[in-house]
Amino acid sequence: TRQDVFSRRNIRWLRWIAYGQLAVTSLSFLLNWSIEQAVLA
């Protein structure tokens, strides 16, 4: 909104968002696996 788009700070924050979402997706996969093991047992 302040028209500061191409900056290194934005890169750092965008990387946190991107890799954070990837980590959350991985955690969801791990959670799904643990629930499935309990169900099968």
ModelCIF file with pLDDT and N, C-alpha, C, O atoms, coordinates in Angstrom:
data_MODEL
#
_entry.id   MODEL 
#
_entity.id                         1 
_entity.type                       polymer 
_entity.pdbx_number_of_molecules   1 
#
_entity_poly.entity_id                      1 
_entity_poly.type                           'polypeptide(L)' 
_entity_poly.nstd_linkage                   no 
_entity_poly.nstd_monomer                   no 
_entity_poly.pdbx_seq_one_letter_code       TRQDVFSRRNIRWLRWIAYGQLAVTSLSFLLNWSIEQAVLA 
_entity_poly.pdbx_seq_one_letter_code_can   TRQDVFSRRNIRWLRWIAYGQLAVTSLSFLLNWSIEQAVLA 
_entity_poly.pdbx_strand_id                 A 
#
loop_
_entity_poly_seq.entity_id 
_entity_poly_seq.num 
_entity_poly_seq.mon_id 
_entity_poly_seq.hetero 
1 1  THR n 
1 2  ARG n 
1 3  GLN n 
1 4  ASP n 
1 5  VAL n 
1 6  PHE n 
1 7  SER n 
1 8  ARG n 
1 9  ARG n 
1 10 ASN n 
1 11 ILE n 
1 12 ARG n 
1 13 TRP n 
1 14 LEU n 
1 15 ARG n 
1 16 TRP n 
1 17 ILE n 
1 18 ALA n 
1 19 TYR n 
1 20 GLY n 
1 21 GLN n 
1 22 LEU n 
1 23 ALA n 
1 24 VAL n 
1 25 THR n 
1 26 SER n 
1 27 LEU n 
1 28 SER n 
1 29 PHE n 
1 30 LEU n 
1 31 LEU n 
1 32 ASN n 
1 33 TRP n 
1 34 SER n 
1 35 ILE n 
1 36 GLU n 
1 37 GLN n 
1 38 ALA n 
1 39 VAL n 
1 40 LEU n 
1 41 ALA n 
#
_struct_asym.id          A 
_struct_asym.entity_id   1 
#
loop_
_ma_qa_metric.id 
_ma_qa_metric.mode 
_ma_qa_metric.name 
_ma_qa_metric.software_group_id 
_ma_qa_metric.type 
1 global pLDDT . pLDDT 
2 local  pLDDT . pLDDT 
#
_ma_qa_metric_global.metric_id      1 
_ma_qa_metric_global.metric_value   86.46 
_ma_qa_metric_global.model_id       1 
_ma_qa_metric_global.ordinal_id     1 
#
loop_
_ma_qa_metric_local.label_asym_id 
_ma_qa_metric_local.label_comp_id 
_ma_qa_metric_local.label_seq_id 
_ma_qa_metric_local.metric_id 
_ma_qa_metric_local.metric_value 
_ma_qa_metric_local.model_id 
_ma_qa_metric_local.ordinal_id 
A THR 1  2 78.00 1 1  
A ARG 2  2 80.00 1 2  
A GLN 3  2 77.00 1 3  
A ASP 4  2 79.00 1 4  
A VAL 5  2 79.00 1 5  
A PHE 6  2 83.00 1 6  
A SER 7  2 84.00 1 7  
A ARG 8  2 85.00 1 8  
A ARG 9  2 85.00 1 9  
A ASN 10 2 87.00 1 10 
A ILE 11 2 89.00 1 11 
A ARG 12 2 89.00 1 12 
A TRP 13 2 90.00 1 13 
A LEU 14 2 89.00 1 14 
A ARG 15 2 90.00 1 15 
A TRP 16 2 90.00 1 16 
A ILE 17 2 87.00 1 17 
A ALA 18 2 88.00 1 18 
A TYR 19 2 91.00 1 19 
A GLY 20 2 88.00 1 20 
A GLN 21 2 86.00 1 21 
A LEU 22 2 89.00 1 22 
A ALA 23 2 90.00 1 23 
A VAL 24 2 88.00 1 24 
A THR 25 2 88.00 1 25 
A SER 26 2 90.00 1 26 
A LEU 27 2 88.00 1 27 
A SER 28 2 87.00 1 28 
A PHE 29 2 89.00 1 29 
A LEU 30 2 89.00 1 30 
A LEU 31 2 87.00 1 31 
A ASN 32 2 87.00 1 32 
A TRP 33 2 88.00 1 33 
A SER 34 2 88.00 1 34 
A ILE 35 2 86.00 1 35 
A GLU 36 2 87.00 1 36 
A GLN 37 2 88.00 1 37 
A ALA 38 2 86.00 1 38 
A VAL 39 2 86.00 1 39 
A LEU 40 2 85.00 1 40 
A ALA 41 2 85.00 1 41 
#
loop_
_atom_site.group_PDB 
_atom_site.id 
_atom_site.type_symbol 
_atom_site.label_atom_id 
_atom_site.label_alt_id 
_atom_site.label_comp_id 
_atom_site.label_asym_id 
_atom_site.label_entity_id 
_atom_site.label_seq_id 
_atom_site.pdbx_PDB_ins_code 
_atom_site.Cartn_x 
_atom_site.Cartn_y 
_atom_site.Cartn_z 
_atom_site.occupancy 
_atom_site.B_iso_or_equiv 
_atom_site.pdbx_formal_charge 
_atom_site.auth_seq_id 
_atom_site.auth_comp_id 
_atom_site.auth_asym_id 
_atom_site.auth_atom_id 
_atom_site.pdbx_PDB_model_num 
ATOM 1   N N  . THR A 1 1  ? 0.828  -1.210  0.000  1.00 78.00 ? 1  THR A N  1 
ATOM 2   C CA . THR A 1 1  ? 0.000  0.000   0.000  1.00 78.00 ? 1  THR A CA 1 
ATOM 3   C C  . THR A 1 1  ? 0.860  1.256   0.000  1.00 78.00 ? 1  THR A C  1 
ATOM 4   O O  . THR A 1 1  ? 0.417  2.318   -0.437 1.00 78.00 ? 1  THR A O  1 
ATOM 5   N N  . ARG A 1 2  ? 2.089  1.133   0.490  1.00 80.00 ? 2  ARG A N  1 
ATOM 6   C CA . ARG A 1 2  ? 3.024  2.269   0.472  1.00 80.00 ? 2  ARG A CA 1 
ATOM 7   C C  . ARG A 1 2  ? 3.867  2.275   -0.799 1.00 80.00 ? 2  ARG A C  1 
ATOM 8   O O  . ARG A 1 2  ? 4.823  3.041   -0.921 1.00 80.00 ? 2  ARG A O  1 
ATOM 9   N N  . GLN A 1 3  ? 3.495  1.404   -1.750 1.00 77.00 ? 3  GLN A N  1 
ATOM 10  C CA . GLN A 1 3  ? 4.148  1.318   -3.052 1.00 77.00 ? 3  GLN A CA 1 
ATOM 11  C C  . GLN A 1 3  ? 5.614  0.904   -2.930 1.00 77.00 ? 3  GLN A C  1 
ATOM 12  O O  . GLN A 1 3  ? 6.457  1.322   -3.723 1.00 77.00 ? 3  GLN A O  1 
ATOM 13  N N  . ASP A 1 4  ? 5.904  0.080   -1.929 1.00 79.00 ? 4  ASP A N  1 
ATOM 14  C CA . ASP A 1 4  ? 7.231  -0.507  -1.769 1.00 79.00 ? 4  ASP A CA 1 
ATOM 15  C C  . ASP A 1 4  ? 7.098  -2.005  -2.017 1.00 79.00 ? 4  ASP A C  1 
ATOM 16  O O  . ASP A 1 4  ? 6.865  -2.781  -1.091 1.00 79.00 ? 4  ASP A O  1 
ATOM 17  N N  . VAL A 1 5  ? 7.250  -2.398  -3.275 1.00 79.00 ? 5  VAL A N  1 
ATOM 18  C CA . VAL A 1 5  ? 6.982  -3.778  -3.667 1.00 79.00 ? 5  VAL A CA 1 
ATOM 19  C C  . VAL A 1 5  ? 8.257  -4.596  -3.751 1.00 79.00 ? 5  VAL A C  1 
ATOM 20  O O  . VAL A 1 5  ? 8.373  -5.635  -3.100 1.00 79.00 ? 5  VAL A O  1 
ATOM 21  N N  . PHE A 1 6  ? 9.209  -4.140  -4.542 1.00 83.00 ? 6  PHE A N  1 
ATOM 22  C CA . PHE A 1 6  ? 10.422 -4.918  -4.801 1.00 83.00 ? 6  PHE A CA 1 
ATOM 23  C C  . PHE A 1 6  ? 11.487 -4.593  -3.753 1.00 83.00 ? 6  PHE A C  1 
ATOM 24  O O  . PHE A 1 6  ? 12.344 -3.735  -3.964 1.00 83.00 ? 6  PHE A O  1 
ATOM 25  N N  . SER A 1 7  ? 11.416 -5.292  -2.623 1.00 84.00 ? 7  SER A N  1 
ATOM 26  C CA . SER A 1 7  ? 12.377 -5.074  -1.543 1.00 84.00 ? 7  SER A CA 1 
ATOM 27  C C  . SER A 1 7  ? 12.733 -6.413  -0.909 1.00 84.00 ? 7  SER A C  1 
ATOM 28  O O  . SER A 1 7  ? 11.983 -7.385  -0.998 1.00 84.00 ? 7  SER A O  1 
ATOM 29  N N  . ARG A 1 8  ? 13.901 -6.438  -0.264 1.00 85.00 ? 8  ARG A N  1 
ATOM 30  C CA . ARG A 1 8  ? 14.367 -7.669  0.373  1.00 85.00 ? 8  ARG A CA 1 
ATOM 31  C C  . ARG A 1 8  ? 13.511 -8.041  1.579  1.00 85.00 ? 8  ARG A C  1 
ATOM 32  O O  . ARG A 1 8  ? 13.370 -9.224  1.889  1.00 85.00 ? 8  ARG A O  1 
ATOM 33  N N  . ARG A 1 9  ? 12.945 -7.061  2.257  1.00 85.00 ? 9  ARG A N  1 
ATOM 34  C CA . ARG A 1 9  ? 12.064 -7.372  3.388  1.00 85.00 ? 9  ARG A CA 1 
ATOM 35  C C  . ARG A 1 9  ? 10.842 -8.156  2.932  1.00 85.00 ? 9  ARG A C  1 
ATOM 36  O O  . ARG A 1 9  ? 10.412 -9.104  3.589  1.00 85.00 ? 9  ARG A O  1 
ATOM 37  N N  . ASN A 1 10 ? 10.295 -7.744  1.802  1.00 87.00 ? 10 ASN A N  1 
ATOM 38  C CA . ASN A 1 10 ? 9.141  -8.475  1.272  1.00 87.00 ? 10 ASN A CA 1 
ATOM 39  C C  . ASN A 1 10 ? 9.509  -9.915  0.928  1.00 87.00 ? 10 ASN A C  1 
ATOM 40  O O  . ASN A 1 10 ? 8.708  -10.832 1.110  1.00 87.00 ? 10 ASN A O  1 
ATOM 41  N N  . ILE A 1 11 ? 10.733 -10.102 0.428  1.00 89.00 ? 11 ILE A N  1 
ATOM 42  C CA . ILE A 1 11 ? 11.181 -11.462 0.118  1.00 89.00 ? 11 ILE A CA 1 
ATOM 43  C C  . ILE A 1 11 ? 11.214 -12.313 1.378  1.00 89.00 ? 11 ILE A C  1 
ATOM 44  O O  . ILE A 1 11 ? 10.735 -13.447 1.379  1.00 89.00 ? 11 ILE A O  1 
ATOM 45  N N  . ARG A 1 12 ? 11.783 -11.762 2.461  1.00 89.00 ? 12 ARG A N  1 
ATOM 46  C CA . ARG A 1 12 ? 11.880 -12.522 3.705  1.00 89.00 ? 12 ARG A CA 1 
ATOM 47  C C  . ARG A 1 12 ? 10.498 -12.893 4.238  1.00 89.00 ? 12 ARG A C  1 
ATOM 48  O O  . ARG A 1 12 ? 10.279 -14.025 4.669  1.00 89.00 ? 12 ARG A O  1 
ATOM 49  N N  . TRP A 1 13 ? 9.575  -11.944 4.208  1.00 90.00 ? 13 TRP A N  1 
ATOM 50  C CA . TRP A 1 13 ? 8.228  -12.213 4.718  1.00 90.00 ? 13 TRP A CA 1 
ATOM 51  C C  . TRP A 1 13 ? 7.475  -13.193 3.816  1.00 90.00 ? 13 TRP A C  1 
ATOM 52  O O  . TRP A 1 13 ? 6.768  -14.073 4.306  1.00 90.00 ? 13 TRP A O  1 
ATOM 53  N N  . LEU A 1 14 ? 7.625  -13.040 2.506  1.00 89.00 ? 14 LEU A N  1 
ATOM 54  C CA . LEU A 1 14 ? 6.956  -13.959 1.579  1.00 89.00 ? 14 LEU A CA 1 
ATOM 55  C C  . LEU A 1 14 ? 7.495  -15.379 1.723  1.00 89.00 ? 14 LEU A C  1 
ATOM 56  O O  . LEU A 1 14 ? 6.741  -16.344 1.593  1.00 89.00 ? 14 LEU A O  1 
ATOM 57  N N  . ARG A 1 15 ? 8.791  -15.514 1.988  1.00 90.00 ? 15 ARG A N  1 
ATOM 58  C CA . ARG A 1 15 ? 9.349  -16.845 2.190  1.00 90.00 ? 15 ARG A CA 1 
ATOM 59  C C  . ARG A 1 15 ? 8.801  -17.484 3.465  1.00 90.00 ? 15 ARG A C  1 
ATOM 60  O O  . ARG A 1 15 ? 8.557  -18.690 3.499  1.00 90.00 ? 15 ARG A O  1 
ATOM 61  N N  . TRP A 1 16 ? 8.610  -16.687 4.502  1.00 90.00 ? 16 TRP A N  1 
ATOM 62  C CA . TRP A 1 16 ? 8.002  -17.215 5.719  1.00 90.00 ? 16 TRP A CA 1 
ATOM 63  C C  . TRP A 1 16 ? 6.597  -17.740 5.425  1.00 90.00 ? 16 TRP A C  1 
ATOM 64  O O  . TRP A 1 16 ? 6.212  -18.808 5.902  1.00 90.00 ? 16 TRP A O  1 
ATOM 65  N N  . ILE A 1 17 ? 5.844  -16.986 4.643  1.00 87.00 ? 17 ILE A N  1 
ATOM 66  C CA . ILE A 1 17 ? 4.475  -17.402 4.293  1.00 87.00 ? 17 ILE A CA 1 
ATOM 67  C C  . ILE A 1 17 ? 4.503  -18.688 3.474  1.00 87.00 ? 17 ILE A C  1 
ATOM 68  O O  . ILE A 1 17 ? 3.771  -19.634 3.768  1.00 87.00 ? 17 ILE A O  1 
ATOM 69  N N  . ALA A 1 18 ? 5.350  -18.721 2.444  1.00 88.00 ? 18 ALA A N  1 
ATOM 70  C CA . ALA A 1 18 ? 5.379  -19.850 1.520  1.00 88.00 ? 18 ALA A CA 1 
ATOM 71  C C  . ALA A 1 18 ? 5.839  -21.129 2.214  1.00 88.00 ? 18 ALA A C  1 
ATOM 72  O O  . ALA A 1 18 ? 5.166  -22.158 2.150  1.00 88.00 ? 18 ALA A O  1 
ATOM 73  N N  . TYR A 1 19 ? 6.992  -21.052 2.875  1.00 91.00 ? 19 TYR A N  1 
ATOM 74  C CA . TYR A 1 19 ? 7.519  -22.262 3.511  1.00 91.00 ? 19 TYR A CA 1 
ATOM 75  C C  . TYR A 1 19 ? 6.715  -22.619 4.759  1.00 91.00 ? 19 TYR A C  1 
ATOM 76  O O  . TYR A 1 19 ? 6.683  -23.783 5.157  1.00 91.00 ? 19 TYR A O  1 
ATOM 77  N N  . GLY A 1 20 ? 6.067  -21.635 5.380  1.00 88.00 ? 20 GLY A N  1 
ATOM 78  C CA . GLY A 1 20 ? 5.176  -21.930 6.497  1.00 88.00 ? 20 GLY A CA 1 
ATOM 79  C C  . GLY A 1 20 ? 3.979  -22.741 6.048  1.00 88.00 ? 20 GLY A C  1 
ATOM 80  O O  . GLY A 1 20 ? 3.580  -23.685 6.730  1.00 88.00 ? 20 GLY A O  1 
ATOM 81  N N  . GLN A 1 21 ? 3.396  -22.387 4.901  1.00 86.00 ? 21 GLN A N  1 
ATOM 82  C CA . GLN A 1 21 ? 2.264  -23.156 4.380  1.00 86.00 ? 21 GLN A CA 1 
ATOM 83  C C  . GLN A 1 21 ? 2.697  -24.568 4.013  1.00 86.00 ? 21 GLN A C  1 
ATOM 84  O O  . GLN A 1 21 ? 1.950  -25.524 4.224  1.00 86.00 ? 21 GLN A O  1 
ATOM 85  N N  . LEU A 1 22 ? 3.903  -24.702 3.463  1.00 89.00 ? 22 LEU A N  1 
ATOM 86  C CA . LEU A 1 22 ? 4.417  -26.029 3.127  1.00 89.00 ? 22 LEU A CA 1 
ATOM 87  C C  . LEU A 1 22 ? 4.598  -26.868 4.395  1.00 89.00 ? 22 LEU A C  1 
ATOM 88  O O  . LEU A 1 22 ? 4.323  -28.068 4.397  1.00 89.00 ? 22 LEU A O  1 
ATOM 89  N N  . ALA A 1 23 ? 5.063  -26.225 5.474  1.00 90.00 ? 23 ALA A N  1 
ATOM 90  C CA . ALA A 1 23 ? 5.236  -26.938 6.742  1.00 90.00 ? 23 ALA A CA 1 
ATOM 91  C C  . ALA A 1 23 ? 3.888  -27.357 7.327  1.00 90.00 ? 23 ALA A C  1 
ATOM 92  O O  . ALA A 1 23 ? 3.757  -28.468 7.840  1.00 90.00 ? 23 ALA A O  1 
ATOM 93  N N  . VAL A 1 24 ? 2.885  -26.479 7.256  1.00 88.00 ? 24 VAL A N  1 
ATOM 94  C CA . VAL A 1 24 ? 1.553  -26.818 7.762  1.00 88.00 ? 24 VAL A CA 1 
ATOM 95  C C  . VAL A 1 24 ? 0.955  -27.984 6.981  1.00 88.00 ? 24 VAL A C  1 
ATOM 96  O O  . VAL A 1 24 ? 0.312  -28.856 7.567  1.00 88.00 ? 24 VAL A O  1 
ATOM 97  N N  . THR A 1 25 ? 1.160  -28.007 5.678  1.00 88.00 ? 25 THR A N  1 
ATOM 98  C CA . THR A 1 25 ? 0.677  -29.122 4.862  1.00 88.00 ? 25 THR A CA 1 
ATOM 99  C C  . THR A 1 25 ? 1.354  -30.429 5.270  1.00 88.00 ? 25 THR A C  1 
ATOM 100 O O  . THR A 1 25 ? 0.713  -31.479 5.321  1.00 88.00 ? 25 THR A O  1 
ATOM 101 N N  . SER A 1 26 ? 2.647  -30.357 5.557  1.00 90.00 ? 26 SER A N  1 
ATOM 102 C CA . SER A 1 26 ? 3.372  -31.550 6.010  1.00 90.00 ? 26 SER A CA 1 
ATOM 103 C C  . SER A 1 26 ? 2.859  -32.023 7.364  1.00 90.00 ? 26 SER A C  1 
ATOM 104 O O  . SER A 1 26 ? 2.732  -33.226 7.593  1.00 90.00 ? 26 SER A O  1 
ATOM 105 N N  . LEU A 1 27 ? 2.563  -31.087 8.262  1.00 88.00 ? 27 LEU A N  1 
ATOM 106 C CA . LEU A 1 27 ? 2.016  -31.445 9.571  1.00 88.00 ? 27 LEU A CA 1 
ATOM 107 C C  . LEU A 1 27 ? 0.640  -32.099 9.427  1.00 88.00 ? 27 LEU A C  1 
ATOM 108 O O  . LEU A 1 27 ? 0.316  -33.037 10.155 1.00 88.00 ? 27 LEU A O  1 
ATOM 109 N N  . SER A 1 28 ? -0.163 -31.604 8.493  1.00 87.00 ? 28 SER A N  1 
ATOM 110 C CA . SER A 1 28 ? -1.475 -32.211 8.250  1.00 87.00 ? 28 SER A CA 1 
ATOM 111 C C  . SER A 1 28 ? -1.335 -33.644 7.752  1.00 87.00 ? 28 SER A C  1 
ATOM 112 O O  . SER A 1 28 ? -2.118 -34.517 8.125  1.00 87.00 ? 28 SER A O  1 
ATOM 113 N N  . PHE A 1 29 ? -0.339 -33.880 6.913  1.00 89.00 ? 29 PHE A N  1 
ATOM 114 C CA . PHE A 1 29 ? -0.079 -35.237 6.431  1.00 89.00 ? 29 PHE A CA 1 
ATOM 115 C C  . PHE A 1 29 ? 0.328  -36.148 7.588  1.00 89.00 ? 29 PHE A C  1 
ATOM 116 O O  . PHE A 1 29 ? -0.132 -37.287 7.670  1.00 89.00 ? 29 PHE A O  1 
ATOM 117 N N  . LEU A 1 30 ? 1.190  -35.652 8.485  1.00 89.00 ? 30 LEU A N  1 
ATOM 118 C CA . LEU A 1 30 ? 1.611  -36.433 9.647  1.00 89.00 ? 30 LEU A CA 1 
ATOM 119 C C  . LEU A 1 30 ? 0.436  -36.733 10.570 1.00 89.00 ? 30 LEU A C  1 
ATOM 120 O O  . LEU A 1 30 ? 0.314  -37.842 11.090 1.00 89.00 ? 30 LEU A O  1 
ATOM 121 N N  . LEU A 1 31 ? -0.430 -35.737 10.772 1.00 87.00 ? 31 LEU A N  1 
ATOM 122 C CA . LEU A 1 31 ? -1.606 -35.929 11.620 1.00 87.00 ? 31 LEU A CA 1 
ATOM 123 C C  . LEU A 1 31 ? -2.553 -36.956 11.016 1.00 87.00 ? 31 LEU A C  1 
ATOM 124 O O  . LEU A 1 31 ? -3.079 -37.814 11.724 1.00 87.00 ? 31 LEU A O  1 
ATOM 125 N N  . ASN A 1 32 ? -2.767 -36.870 9.720  1.00 87.00 ? 32 ASN A N  1 
ATOM 126 C CA . ASN A 1 32 ? -3.641 -37.827 9.042  1.00 87.00 ? 32 ASN A CA 1 
ATOM 127 C C  . ASN A 1 32 ? -3.098 -39.248 9.179  1.00 87.00 ? 32 ASN A C  1 
ATOM 128 O O  . ASN A 1 32 ? -3.869 -40.189 9.362  1.00 87.00 ? 32 ASN A O  1 
ATOM 129 N N  . TRP A 1 33 ? -1.784 -39.408 9.093  1.00 88.00 ? 33 TRP A N  1 
ATOM 130 C CA . TRP A 1 33 ? -1.161 -40.731 9.230  1.00 88.00 ? 33 TRP A CA 1 
ATOM 131 C C  . TRP A 1 33 ? -1.362 -41.300 10.625 1.00 88.00 ? 33 TRP A C  1 
ATOM 132 O O  . TRP A 1 33 ? -1.680 -42.480 10.772 1.00 88.00 ? 33 TRP A O  1 
ATOM 133 N N  . SER A 1 34 ? -1.177 -40.465 11.662 1.00 88.00 ? 34 SER A N  1 
ATOM 134 C CA . SER A 1 34 ? -1.324 -40.954 13.036 1.00 88.00 ? 34 SER A CA 1 
ATOM 135 C C  . SER A 1 34 ? -2.772 -41.348 13.332 1.00 88.00 ? 34 SER A C  1 
ATOM 136 O O  . SER A 1 34 ? -3.013 -42.339 14.022 1.00 88.00 ? 34 SER A O  1 
ATOM 137 N N  . ILE A 1 35 ? -3.739 -40.582 12.817 1.00 86.00 ? 35 ILE A N  1 
ATOM 138 C CA . ILE A 1 35 ? -5.151 -40.934 13.014 1.00 86.00 ? 35 ILE A CA 1 
ATOM 139 C C  . ILE A 1 35 ? -5.475 -42.237 12.295 1.00 86.00 ? 35 ILE A C  1 
ATOM 140 O O  . ILE A 1 35 ? -6.198 -43.079 12.828 1.00 86.00 ? 35 ILE A O  1 
ATOM 141 N N  . GLU A 1 36 ? -4.949 -42.403 11.097 1.00 87.00 ? 36 GLU A N  1 
ATOM 142 C CA . GLU A 1 36 ? -5.219 -43.617 10.328 1.00 87.00 ? 36 GLU A CA 1 
ATOM 143 C C  . GLU A 1 36 ? -4.672 -44.850 11.027 1.00 87.00 ? 36 GLU A C  1 
ATOM 144 O O  . GLU A 1 36 ? -5.319 -45.897 11.022 1.00 87.00 ? 36 GLU A O  1 
ATOM 145 N N  . GLN A 1 37 ? -3.481 -44.746 11.635 1.00 88.00 ? 37 GLN A N  1 
ATOM 146 C CA . GLN A 1 37 ? -2.910 -45.886 12.350 1.00 88.00 ? 37 GLN A CA 1 
ATOM 147 C C  . GLN A 1 37 ? -3.779 -46.272 13.542 1.00 88.00 ? 37 GLN A C  1 
ATOM 148 O O  . GLN A 1 37 ? -3.967 -47.457 13.818 1.00 88.00 ? 37 GLN A O  1 
ATOM 149 N N  . ALA A 1 38 ? -4.312 -45.269 14.253 1.00 86.00 ? 38 ALA A N  1 
ATOM 150 C CA . ALA A 1 38 ? -5.192 -45.557 15.390 1.00 86.00 ? 38 ALA A CA 1 
ATOM 151 C C  . ALA A 1 38 ? -6.493 -46.204 14.927 1.00 86.00 ? 38 ALA A C  1 
ATOM 152 O O  . ALA A 1 38 ? -6.996 -47.115 15.584 1.00 86.00 ? 38 ALA A O  1 
ATOM 153 N N  . VAL A 1 39 ? -7.036 -45.749 13.816 1.00 86.00 ? 39 VAL A N  1 
ATOM 154 C CA . VAL A 1 39 ? -8.282 -46.319 13.283 1.00 86.00 ? 39 VAL A CA 1 
ATOM 155 C C  . VAL A 1 39 ? -8.075 -47.766 12.869 1.00 86.00 ? 39 VAL A C  1 
ATOM 156 O O  . VAL A 1 39 ? -8.899 -48.621 13.193 1.00 86.00 ? 39 VAL A O  1 
ATOM 157 N N  . LEU A 1 40 ? -6.992 -48.055 12.160 1.00 85.00 ? 40 LEU A N  1 
ATOM 158 C CA . LEU A 1 40 ? -6.735 -49.413 11.691 1.00 85.00 ? 40 LEU A CA 1 
ATOM 159 C C  . LEU A 1 40 ? -6.551 -50.384 12.861 1.00 85.00 ? 40 LEU A C  1 
ATOM 160 O O  . LEU A 1 40 ? -6.856 -51.571 12.742 1.00 85.00 ? 40 LEU A O  1 
ATOM 161 N N  . ALA A 1 41 ? -6.051 -49.871 13.993 1.00 85.00 ? 41 ALA A N  1 
ATOM 162 C CA . ALA A 1 41 ? -5.820 -50.731 15.150 1.00 85.00 ? 41 ALA A CA 1 
ATOM 163 C C  . ALA A 1 41 ? -7.078 -50.941 15.985 1.00 85.00 ? 41 ALA A C  1 
ATOM 164 O O  . ALA A 1 41 ? -7.038 -51.645 16.994 1.00 85.00 ? 41 ALA A O  1 
#
